Amino acid sequence: MENQFFTWDALSALAGASLLTFFIVQYTKVLVDQWRVIPTDIYALIIAYFVLLAAQLATGANASDWKLYVLTFANSFLVAAAAGQIQNKSLKPPGDNGERWLR
């Protein structure tokens, strides 16, 4: 599976999970914003939870173990925050404050 960008193991890690969360939120937040149901950061948290949960279950985690859901919930905050930072850096890259990062 070397020719795949995402693997279940990669989605279990912070970088892979946050990148997929970023992509899902970016492509679907217009629909969520139309409903005005939840803020984008809470939406990202929900997406992060399901990305991490799917990755854990796909890599063999015990679905009947309650600790899986609690730990996934805690880790989803980190993933959602990292996805938000990806959003910030994509809108304002380093060195984009009037000075050039590399001259």
PDB file of N, CA and C in Angstrom:
ATOM      1  N   MET A   1       0.812  -1.200   0.000  1.00  0.00           N
ATOM      2  CA  MET A   1       0.000   0.000   0.000  1.00  0.00           C
ATOM      3  C   MET A   1       0.853   1.260   0.000  1.00  0.00           C
ATOM      4  N   GLU A   2       2.007   1.199  -0.543  1.00  0.00           N
ATOM      5  CA  GLU A   2       2.877   2.360  -0.572  1.00  0.00           C
ATOM      6  C   GLU A   2       2.387   3.442  -1.513  1.00  0.00           C
ATOM      7  N   ASN A   3       1.458   3.108  -2.407  1.00  0.00           N
ATOM      8  CA  ASN A   3       0.984   4.087  -3.380  1.00  0.00           C
ATOM      9  C   ASN A   3      -0.241   4.856  -2.890  1.00  0.00           C
ATOM     10  N   GLN A   4      -0.585   4.730  -1.623  1.00  0.00           N
ATOM     11  CA  GLN A   4      -1.723   5.447  -1.066  1.00  0.00           C
ATOM     12  C   GLN A   4      -1.232   6.607  -0.207  1.00  0.00           C
ATOM     13  N   PHE A   5      -1.955   7.708  -0.282  1.00  0.00           N
ATOM     14  CA  PHE A   5      -1.596   8.861   0.530  1.00  0.00           C
ATOM     15  C   PHE A   5      -1.974   8.648   1.986  1.00  0.00           C
ATOM     16  N   PHE A   6      -3.161   8.142   2.225  1.00  0.00           N
ATOM     17  CA  PHE A   6      -3.604   7.870   3.584  1.00  0.00           C
ATOM     18  C   PHE A   6      -3.651   6.368   3.805  1.00  0.00           C
ATOM     19  N   THR A   7      -3.186   5.951   4.950  1.00  0.00           N
ATOM     20  CA  THR A   7      -3.356   4.572   5.410  1.00  0.00           C
ATOM     21  C   THR A   7      -4.007   4.642   6.781  1.00  0.00           C
ATOM     22  N   TRP A   8      -4.503   3.500   7.254  1.00  0.00           N
ATOM     23  CA  TRP A   8      -5.140   3.513   8.576  1.00  0.00           C
ATOM     24  C   TRP A   8      -4.124   3.858   9.652  1.00  0.00           C
ATOM     25  N   ASP A   9      -2.898   3.404   9.479  1.00  0.00           N
ATOM     26  CA  ASP A   9      -1.867   3.755  10.459  1.00  0.00           C
ATOM     27  C   ASP A   9      -1.561   5.247  10.432  1.00  0.00           C
ATOM     28  N   ALA A  10      -1.524   5.830   9.235  1.00  0.00           N
ATOM     29  CA  ALA A  10      -1.273   7.273   9.124  1.00  0.00           C
ATOM     30  C   ALA A  10      -2.416   8.073   9.733  1.00  0.00           C
ATOM     31  N   LEU A  11      -3.636   7.581   9.580  1.00  0.00           N
ATOM     32  CA  LEU A  11      -4.787   8.281  10.147  1.00  0.00           C
ATOM     33  C   LEU A  11      -4.860   8.133  11.660  1.00  0.00           C
ATOM     34  N   SER A  12      -4.137   7.177  12.197  1.00  0.00           N
ATOM     35  CA  SER A  12      -4.070   7.027  13.652  1.00  0.00           C
ATOM     36  C   SER A  12      -3.123   8.041  14.271  1.00  0.00           C
ATOM     37  N   ALA A  13      -2.251   8.624  13.455  1.00  0.00           N
ATOM     38  CA  ALA A  13      -1.278   9.598  13.940  1.00  0.00           C
ATOM     39  C   ALA A  13      -1.830  11.012  13.815  1.00  0.00           C
ATOM     40  N   LEU A  14      -1.235  11.925  14.543  1.00  0.00           N
ATOM     41  CA  LEU A  14      -1.716  13.309  14.574  1.00  0.00           C
ATOM     42  C   LEU A  14      -1.680  13.965  13.194  1.00  0.00           C
ATOM     43  N   ALA A  15      -0.596  13.795  12.475  1.00  0.00           N
ATOM     44  CA  ALA A  15      -0.453  14.473  11.178  1.00  0.00           C
ATOM     45  C   ALA A  15      -1.500  14.005  10.178  1.00  0.00           C
ATOM     46  N   GLY A  16      -1.672  12.706  10.043  1.00  0.00           N
ATOM     47  CA  GLY A  16      -2.640  12.181   9.076  1.00  0.00           C
ATOM     48  C   GLY A  16      -4.076  12.509   9.454  1.00  0.00           C
ATOM     49  N   ALA A  17      -4.394  12.345  10.720  1.00  0.00           N
ATOM     50  CA  ALA A  17      -5.759  12.613  11.176  1.00  0.00           C
ATOM     51  C   ALA A  17      -6.105  14.090  11.054  1.00  0.00           C
ATOM     52  N   SER A  18      -5.158  14.956  11.383  1.00  0.00           N
ATOM     53  CA  SER A  18      -5.445  16.391  11.299  1.00  0.00           C
ATOM     54  C   SER A  18      -5.552  16.852   9.848  1.00  0.00           C
ATOM     55  N   LEU A  19      -4.749  16.276   8.957  1.00  0.00           N
ATOM     56  CA  LEU A  19      -4.838  16.654   7.551  1.00  0.00           C
ATOM     57  C   LEU A  19      -6.165  16.211   6.958  1.00  0.00           C
ATOM     58  N   LEU A  20      -6.595  14.986   7.235  1.00  0.00           N
ATOM     59  CA  LEU A  20      -7.886  14.532   6.715  1.00  0.00           C
ATOM     60  C   LEU A  20      -9.028  15.327   7.334  1.00  0.00           C
ATOM     61  N   THR A  21      -8.927  15.634   8.618  1.00  0.00           N
ATOM     62  CA  THR A  21      -9.954  16.460   9.263  1.00  0.00           C
ATOM     63  C   THR A  21     -10.030  17.825   8.601  1.00  0.00           C
ATOM     64  N   PHE A  22      -8.877  18.429   8.336  1.00  0.00           N
ATOM     65  CA  PHE A  22      -8.831  19.720   7.643  1.00  0.00           C
ATOM     66  C   PHE A  22      -9.537  19.638   6.289  1.00  0.00           C
ATOM     67  N   PHE A  23      -9.214  18.616   5.500  1.00  0.00           N
ATOM     68  CA  PHE A  23      -9.814  18.481   4.174  1.00  0.00           C
ATOM     69  C   PHE A  23     -11.326  18.284   4.259  1.00  0.00           C
ATOM     70  N   ILE A  24     -11.780  17.406   5.145  1.00  0.00           N
ATOM     71  CA  ILE A  24     -13.223  17.149   5.256  1.00  0.00           C
ATOM     72  C   ILE A  24     -13.957  18.413   5.687  1.00  0.00           C
ATOM     73  N   VAL A  25     -13.424  19.110   6.675  1.00  0.00           N
ATOM     74  CA  VAL A  25     -14.077  20.336   7.154  1.00  0.00           C
ATOM     75  C   VAL A  25     -14.101  21.395   6.052  1.00  0.00           C
ATOM     76  N   GLN A  26     -12.996  21.566   5.338  1.00  0.00           N
ATOM     77  CA  GLN A  26     -12.943  22.587   4.292  1.00  0.00           C
ATOM     78  C   GLN A  26     -13.932  22.315   3.173  1.00  0.00           C
ATOM     79  N   TYR A  27     -14.085  21.057   2.807  1.00  0.00           N
ATOM     80  CA  TYR A  27     -14.981  20.725   1.701  1.00  0.00           C
ATOM     81  C   TYR A  27     -16.446  20.664   2.102  1.00  0.00           C
ATOM     82  N   THR A  28     -16.733  20.577   3.398  1.00  0.00           N
ATOM     83  CA  THR A  28     -18.134  20.426   3.807  1.00  0.00           C
ATOM     84  C   THR A  28     -18.655  21.542   4.701  1.00  0.00           C
ATOM     85  N   LYS A  29     -17.803  22.473   5.129  1.00  0.00           N
ATOM     86  CA  LYS A  29     -18.268  23.468   6.098  1.00  0.00           C
ATOM     87  C   LYS A  29     -19.275  24.449   5.509  1.00  0.00           C
ATOM     88  N   VAL A  30     -19.295  24.631   4.206  1.00  0.00           N
ATOM     89  CA  VAL A  30     -20.298  25.503   3.589  1.00  0.00           C
ATOM     90  C   VAL A  30     -21.691  24.927   3.820  1.00  0.00           C
ATOM     91  N   LEU A  31     -21.811  23.619   3.702  1.00  0.00           N
ATOM     92  CA  LEU A  31     -23.105  22.974   3.951  1.00  0.00           C
ATOM     93  C   LEU A  31     -23.515  23.122   5.412  1.00  0.00           C
ATOM     94  N   VAL A  32     -22.553  22.928   6.320  1.00  0.00           N
ATOM     95  CA  VAL A  32     -22.845  23.052   7.742  1.00  0.00           C
ATOM     96  C   VAL A  32     -23.184  24.500   8.089  1.00  0.00           C
ATOM     97  N   ASP A  33     -22.471  25.449   7.495  1.00  0.00           N
ATOM     98  CA  ASP A  33     -22.745  26.860   7.750  1.00  0.00           C
ATOM     99  C   ASP A  33     -24.138  27.266   7.275  1.00  0.00           C
ATOM    100  N   GLN A  34     -24.632  26.636   6.226  1.00  0.00           N
ATOM    101  CA  GLN A  34     -25.986  26.937   5.744  1.00  0.00           C
ATOM    102  C   GLN A  34     -27.028  26.540   6.776  1.00  0.00           C
ATOM    103  N   TRP A  35     -26.764  25.469   7.511  1.00  0.00           N
ATOM    104  CA  TRP A  35     -27.707  25.035   8.540  1.00  0.00           C
ATOM    105  C   TRP A  35     -27.565  25.839   9.813  1.00  0.00           C
ATOM    106  N   ARG A  36     -26.398  26.471  10.031  1.00  0.00           N
ATOM    107  CA  ARG A  36     -26.123  27.263  11.235  1.00  0.00           C
ATOM    108  C   ARG A  36     -26.394  26.474  12.517  1.00  0.00           C
ATOM    109  N   VAL A  37     -26.040  25.214  12.474  1.00  0.00           N
ATOM    110  CA  VAL A  37     -26.308  24.352  13.619  1.00  0.00           C
ATOM    111  C   VAL A  37     -25.184  24.437  14.652  1.00  0.00           C
ATOM    112  N   ILE A  38     -23.945  24.298  14.200  1.00  0.00           N
ATOM    113  CA  ILE A  38     -22.808  24.285  15.119  1.00  0.00           C
ATOM    114  C   ILE A  38     -21.673  25.135  14.547  1.00  0.00           C
ATOM    115  N   PRO A  39     -20.830  25.674  15.405  1.00  0.00           N
ATOM    116  CA  PRO A  39     -19.662  26.419  14.923  1.00  0.00           C
ATOM    117  C   PRO A  39     -18.659  25.484  14.247  1.00  0.00           C
ATOM    118  N   THR A  40     -17.816  26.045  13.416  1.00  0.00           N
ATOM    119  CA  THR A  40     -16.860  25.254  12.653  1.00  0.00           C
ATOM    120  C   THR A  40     -15.883  24.508  13.556  1.00  0.00           C
ATOM    121  N   ASP A  41     -15.471  25.093  14.663  1.00  0.00           N
ATOM    122  CA  ASP A  41     -14.513  24.394  15.524  1.00  0.00           C
ATOM    123  C   ASP A  41     -15.129  23.160  16.184  1.00  0.00           C
ATOM    124  N   ILE A  42     -16.403  23.229  16.530  1.00  0.00           N
ATOM    125  CA  ILE A  42     -17.087  22.060  17.088  1.00  0.00           C
ATOM    126  C   ILE A  42     -17.299  21.020  15.994  1.00  0.00           C
ATOM    127  N   TYR A  43     -17.616  21.480  14.793  1.00  0.00           N
ATOM    128  CA  TYR A  43     -17.755  20.583  13.652  1.00  0.00           C
ATOM    129  C   TYR A  43     -16.441  19.859  13.388  1.00  0.00           C
ATOM    130  N   ALA A  44     -15.320  20.568  13.450  1.00  0.00           N
ATOM    131  CA  ALA A  44     -14.000  19.953  13.256  1.00  0.00           C
ATOM    132  C   ALA A  44     -13.726  18.921  14.342  1.00  0.00           C
ATOM    133  N   LEU A  45     -14.142  19.192  15.556  1.00  0.00           N
ATOM    134  CA  LEU A  45     -13.974  18.251  16.655  1.00  0.00           C
ATOM    135  C   LEU A  45     -14.745  16.956  16.392  1.00  0.00           C
ATOM    136  N   ILE A  46     -15.947  17.074  15.897  1.00  0.00           N
ATOM    137  CA  ILE A  46     -16.765  15.900  15.580  1.00  0.00           C
ATOM    138  C   ILE A  46     -16.125  15.089  14.452  1.00  0.00           C
ATOM    139  N   ILE A  47     -15.684  15.779  13.412  1.00  0.00           N
ATOM    140  CA  ILE A  47     -15.033  15.097  12.287  1.00  0.00           C
ATOM    141  C   ILE A  47     -13.763  14.398  12.777  1.00  0.00           C
ATOM    142  N   ALA A  48     -12.969  15.080  13.584  1.00  0.00           N
ATOM    143  CA  ALA A  48     -11.735  14.487  14.115  1.00  0.00           C
ATOM    144  C   ALA A  48     -12.039  13.232  14.923  1.00  0.00           C
ATOM    145  N   TYR A  49     -13.089  13.281  15.711  1.00  0.00           N
ATOM    146  CA  TYR A  49     -13.470  12.118  16.515  1.00  0.00           C
ATOM    147  C   TYR A  49     -13.760  10.915  15.621  1.00  0.00           C
ATOM    148  N   PHE A  50     -14.538  11.124  14.580  1.00  0.00           N
ATOM    149  CA  PHE A  50     -14.898  10.001  13.709  1.00  0.00           C
ATOM    150  C   PHE A  50     -13.722   9.521  12.861  1.00  0.00           C
ATOM    151  N   VAL A  51     -12.844  10.417  12.461  1.00  0.00           N
ATOM    152  CA  VAL A  51     -11.641  10.002  11.730  1.00  0.00           C
ATOM    153  C   VAL A  51     -10.775   9.127  12.631  1.00  0.00           C
ATOM    154  N   LEU A  52     -10.528   9.582  13.851  1.00  0.00           N
ATOM    155  CA  LEU A  52      -9.707   8.803  14.784  1.00  0.00           C
ATOM    156  C   LEU A  52     -10.369   7.486  15.172  1.00  0.00           C
ATOM    157  N   LEU A  53     -11.660   7.519  15.402  1.00  0.00           N
ATOM    158  CA  LEU A  53     -12.374   6.300  15.778  1.00  0.00           C
ATOM    159  C   LEU A  53     -12.324   5.276  14.652  1.00  0.00           C
ATOM    160  N   ALA A  54     -12.553   5.715  13.427  1.00  0.00           N
ATOM    161  CA  ALA A  54     -12.487   4.801  12.280  1.00  0.00           C
ATOM    162  C   ALA A  54     -11.087   4.217  12.136  1.00  0.00           C
ATOM    163  N   ALA A  55     -10.072   5.041  12.308  1.00  0.00           N
ATOM    164  CA  ALA A  55      -8.693   4.561  12.187  1.00  0.00           C
ATOM    165  C   ALA A  55      -8.372   3.541  13.276  1.00  0.00           C
ATOM    166  N   GLN A  56      -8.811   3.809  14.492  1.00  0.00           N
ATOM    167  CA  GLN A  56      -8.545   2.876  15.593  1.00  0.00           C
ATOM    168  C   GLN A  56      -9.261   1.547  15.381  1.00  0.00           C
ATOM    169  N   LEU A  57     -10.501   1.602  14.959  1.00  0.00           N
ATOM    170  CA  LEU A  57     -11.252   0.370  14.726  1.00  0.00           C
ATOM    171  C   LEU A  57     -10.683  -0.405  13.542  1.00  0.00           C
ATOM    172  N   ALA A  58     -10.242   0.307  12.512  1.00  0.00           N
ATOM    173  CA  ALA A  58      -9.688  -0.352  11.335  1.00  0.00           C
ATOM    174  C   ALA A  58      -8.343  -1.017  11.623  1.00  0.00           C
ATOM    175  N   THR A  59      -7.627  -0.513  12.604  1.00  0.00           N
ATOM    176  CA  THR A  59      -6.329  -1.107  12.937  1.00  0.00           C
ATOM    177  C   THR A  59      -6.433  -2.145  14.045  1.00  0.00           C
ATOM    178  N   GLY A  60      -7.646  -2.514  14.423  1.00  0.00           N
ATOM    179  CA  GLY A  60      -7.819  -3.638  15.329  1.00  0.00           C
ATOM    180  C   GLY A  60      -8.197  -3.316  16.752  1.00  0.00           C
ATOM    181  N   ALA A  61      -8.607  -2.105  17.052  1.00  0.00           N
ATOM    182  CA  ALA A  61      -9.009  -1.770  18.419  1.00  0.00           C
ATOM    183  C   ALA A  61     -10.297  -2.511  18.783  1.00  0.00           C
ATOM    184  N   ASN A  62     -10.445  -2.774  20.048  1.00  0.00           N
ATOM    185  CA  ASN A  62     -11.622  -3.480  20.559  1.00  0.00           C
ATOM    186  C   ASN A  62     -12.789  -2.506  20.658  1.00  0.00           C
ATOM    187  N   ALA A  63     -13.811  -2.707  19.859  1.00  0.00           N
ATOM    188  CA  ALA A  63     -14.958  -1.793  19.817  1.00  0.00           C
ATOM    189  C   ALA A  63     -15.774  -1.819  21.100  1.00  0.00           C
ATOM    190  N   SER A  64     -15.654  -2.864  21.890  1.00  0.00           N
ATOM    191  CA  SER A  64     -16.437  -2.936  23.121  1.00  0.00           C
ATOM    192  C   SER A  64     -15.707  -2.350  24.325  1.00  0.00           C
ATOM    193  N   ASP A  65     -14.498  -1.848  24.127  1.00  0.00           N
ATOM    194  CA  ASP A  65     -13.715  -1.258  25.212  1.00  0.00           C
ATOM    195  C   ASP A  65     -14.059   0.228  25.344  1.00  0.00           C
ATOM    196  N   TRP A  66     -14.625   0.620  26.464  1.00  0.00           N
ATOM    197  CA  TRP A  66     -15.061   2.004  26.657  1.00  0.00           C
ATOM    198  C   TRP A  66     -13.889   2.980  26.623  1.00  0.00           C
ATOM    199  N   LYS A  67     -12.685   2.513  26.981  1.00  0.00           N
ATOM    200  CA  LYS A  67     -11.515   3.392  27.001  1.00  0.00           C
ATOM    201  C   LYS A  67     -11.164   3.900  25.610  1.00  0.00           C
ATOM    202  N   LEU A  68     -11.479   3.127  24.586  1.00  0.00           N
ATOM    203  CA  LEU A  68     -11.239   3.554  23.211  1.00  0.00           C
ATOM    204  C   LEU A  68     -11.984   4.847  22.910  1.00  0.00           C
ATOM    205  N   TYR A  69     -13.220   4.943  23.325  1.00  0.00           N
ATOM    206  CA  TYR A  69     -14.061   6.106  23.016  1.00  0.00           C
ATOM    207  C   TYR A  69     -13.638   7.341  23.827  1.00  0.00           C
ATOM    208  N   VAL A  70     -13.238   7.129  25.061  1.00  0.00           N
ATOM    209  CA  VAL A  70     -12.794   8.247  25.894  1.00  0.00           C
ATOM    210  C   VAL A  70     -11.471   8.802  25.374  1.00  0.00           C
ATOM    211  N   LEU A  71     -10.537   7.929  25.078  1.00  0.00           N
ATOM    212  CA  LEU A  71      -9.243   8.365  24.575  1.00  0.00           C
ATOM    213  C   LEU A  71      -9.375   9.004  23.189  1.00  0.00           C
ATOM    214  N   THR A  72     -10.236   8.457  22.364  1.00  0.00           N
ATOM    215  CA  THR A  72     -10.470   9.049  21.043  1.00  0.00           C
ATOM    216  C   THR A  72     -11.072  10.443  21.184  1.00  0.00           C
ATOM    217  N   PHE A  73     -11.970  10.611  22.129  1.00  0.00           N
ATOM    218  CA  PHE A  73     -12.559  11.929  22.374  1.00  0.00           C
ATOM    219  C   PHE A  73     -11.488  12.925  22.802  1.00  0.00           C
ATOM    220  N   ALA A  74     -10.619  12.517  23.717  1.00  0.00           N
ATOM    221  CA  ALA A  74      -9.545  13.409  24.169  1.00  0.00           C
ATOM    222  C   ALA A  74      -8.596  13.752  23.025  1.00  0.00           C
ATOM    223  N   ASN A  75      -8.222  12.772  22.233  1.00  0.00           N
ATOM    224  CA  ASN A  75      -7.307  13.013  21.123  1.00  0.00           C
ATOM    225  C   ASN A  75      -7.935  13.838  20.007  1.00  0.00           C
ATOM    226  N   SER A  76      -9.246  13.803  19.901  1.00  0.00           N
ATOM    227  CA  SER A  76      -9.906  14.575  18.844  1.00  0.00           C
ATOM    228  C   SER A  76      -9.739  16.083  19.061  1.00  0.00           C
ATOM    229  N   PHE A  77      -9.561  16.507  20.298  1.00  0.00           N
ATOM    230  CA  PHE A  77      -9.284  17.924  20.549  1.00  0.00           C
ATOM    231  C   PHE A  77      -7.935  18.323  19.957  1.00  0.00           C
ATOM    232  N   LEU A  78      -6.941  17.468  20.123  1.00  0.00           N
ATOM    233  CA  LEU A  78      -5.623  17.746  19.557  1.00  0.00           C
ATOM    234  C   LEU A  78      -5.663  17.767  18.034  1.00  0.00           C
ATOM    235  N   VAL A  79      -6.370  16.809  17.461  1.00  0.00           N
ATOM    236  CA  VAL A  79      -6.463  16.730  16.001  1.00  0.00           C
ATOM    237  C   VAL A  79      -7.215  17.933  15.449  1.00  0.00           C
ATOM    238  N   ALA A  80      -8.318  18.322  16.077  1.00  0.00           N
ATOM    239  CA  ALA A  80      -9.081  19.486  15.613  1.00  0.00           C
ATOM    240  C   ALA A  80      -8.257  20.761  15.738  1.00  0.00           C
ATOM    241  N   ALA A  81      -7.477  20.886  16.807  1.00  0.00           N
ATOM    242  CA  ALA A  81      -6.620  22.070  16.969  1.00  0.00           C
ATOM    243  C   ALA A  81      -5.534  22.097  15.903  1.00  0.00           C
ATOM    244  N   ALA A  82      -4.957  20.955  15.599  1.00  0.00           N
ATOM    245  CA  ALA A  82      -3.935  20.890  14.551  1.00  0.00           C
ATOM    246  C   ALA A  82      -4.542  21.200  13.184  1.00  0.00           C
ATOM    247  N   ALA A  83      -5.746  20.728  12.936  1.00  0.00           N
ATOM    248  CA  ALA A  83      -6.432  21.044  11.677  1.00  0.00           C
ATOM    249  C   ALA A  83      -6.715  22.537  11.578  1.00  0.00           C
ATOM    250  N   GLY A  84      -7.077  23.153  12.693  1.00  0.00           N
ATOM    251  CA  GLY A  84      -7.279  24.601  12.705  1.00  0.00           C
ATOM    252  C   GLY A  84      -5.995  25.355  12.421  1.00  0.00           C
ATOM    253  N   GLN A  85      -4.878  24.835  12.915  1.00  0.00           N
ATOM    254  CA  GLN A  85      -3.593  25.469  12.644  1.00  0.00           C
ATOM    255  C   GLN A  85      -3.209  25.321  11.176  1.00  0.00           C
ATOM    256  N   ILE A  86      -3.555  24.196  10.576  1.00  0.00           N
ATOM    257  CA  ILE A  86      -3.330  24.029   9.131  1.00  0.00           C
ATOM    258  C   ILE A  86      -4.132  25.084   8.378  1.00  0.00           C
ATOM    259  N   GLN A  87      -5.359  25.331   8.809  1.00  0.00           N
ATOM    260  CA  GLN A  87      -6.205  26.361   8.195  1.00  0.00           C
ATOM    261  C   GLN A  87      -5.553  27.734   8.327  1.00  0.00           C
ATOM    262  N   ASN A  88      -5.056  28.047   9.516  1.00  0.00           N
ATOM    263  CA  ASN A  88      -4.411  29.347   9.733  1.00  0.00           C
ATOM    264  C   ASN A  88      -3.182  29.520   8.852  1.00  0.00           C
ATOM    265  N   LYS A  89      -2.366  28.497   8.753  1.00  0.00           N
ATOM    266  CA  LYS A  89      -1.146  28.585   7.953  1.00  0.00           C
ATOM    267  C   LYS A  89      -1.451  28.608   6.462  1.00  0.00           C
ATOM    268  N   SER A  90      -2.555  28.016   6.043  1.00  0.00           N
ATOM    269  CA  SER A  90      -2.892  28.067   4.618  1.00  0.00           C
ATOM    270  C   SER A  90      -3.399  29.451   4.227  1.00  0.00           C
ATOM    271  N   LEU A  91      -4.045  30.143   5.154  1.00  0.00           N
ATOM    272  CA  LEU A  91      -4.528  31.493   4.866  1.00  0.00           C
ATOM    273  C   LEU A  91      -3.428  32.534   5.020  1.00  0.00           C
ATOM    274  N   LYS A  92      -2.535  32.309   5.970  1.00  0.00           N
ATOM    275  CA  LYS A  92      -1.442  33.252   6.213  1.00  0.00           C
ATOM    276  C   LYS A  92      -0.147  32.469   6.406  1.00  0.00           C
ATOM    277  N   PRO A  93       0.534  32.193   5.301  1.00  0.00           N
ATOM    278  CA  PRO A  93       1.767  31.412   5.401  1.00  0.00           C
ATOM    279  C   PRO A  93       2.852  32.148   6.183  1.00  0.00           C
ATOM    280  N   PRO A  94       3.815  31.408   6.708  1.00  0.00           N
ATOM    281  CA  PRO A  94       4.913  32.060   7.435  1.00  0.00           C
ATOM    282  C   PRO A  94       5.614  33.091   6.556  1.00  0.00           C
ATOM    283  N   GLY A  95       5.927  34.228   7.135  1.00  0.00           N
ATOM    284  CA  GLY A  95       6.622  35.278   6.398  1.00  0.00           C
ATOM    285  C   GLY A  95       5.708  36.159   5.569  1.00  0.00           C
ATOM    286  N   ASP A  96       4.427  35.961   5.681  1.00  0.00           N
ATOM    287  CA  ASP A  96       3.480  36.738   4.881  1.00  0.00           C
ATOM    288  C   ASP A  96       2.985  37.952   5.676  1.00  0.00           C
ATOM    289  N   ASN A  97       3.894  38.618   6.385  1.00  0.00           N
ATOM    290  CA  ASN A  97       3.510  39.761   7.193  1.00  0.00           C
ATOM    291  C   ASN A  97       4.135  41.045   6.641  1.00  0.00           C
ATOM    292  N   GLY A  98       4.314  41.095   5.352  1.00  0.00           N
ATOM    293  CA  GLY A  98       4.920  42.251   4.740  1.00  0.00           C
ATOM    294  C   GLY A  98       6.397  42.055   4.433  1.00  0.00           C
ATOM    295  N   GLU A  99       7.016  41.128   5.154  1.00  0.00           N
ATOM    296  CA  GLU A  99       8.401  40.785   4.886  1.00  0.00           C
ATOM    297  C   GLU A  99       8.425  39.420   4.243  1.00  0.00           C
ATOM    298  N   ARG A 100       9.353  39.192   3.423  1.00  0.00           N
ATOM    299  CA  ARG A 100       9.501  37.884   2.795  1.00  0.00           C
ATOM    300  C   ARG A 100      10.275  36.971   3.720  1.00  0.00           C
ATOM    301  N   TRP A 101       9.825  35.738   3.815  1.00  0.00           N
ATOM    302  CA  TRP A 101      10.457  34.745   4.678  1.00  0.00           C
ATOM    303  C   TRP A 101      11.865  34.444   4.178  1.00  0.00           C
ATOM    304  N   LEU A 102      11.985  34.256   2.879  1.00  0.00           N
ATOM    305  CA  LEU A 102      13.306  34.032   2.274  1.00  0.00           C
ATOM    306  C   LEU A 102      13.587  35.154   1.295  1.00  0.00           C
ATOM    307  N   ARG A 103      14.732  35.737   1.408  1.00  0.00           N
ATOM    308  CA  ARG A 103      15.099  36.805   0.459  1.00  0.00           C
ATOM    309  C   ARG A 103      16.258  36.356  -0.371  1.00  0.00           C
TER     310      ARG A 103
END
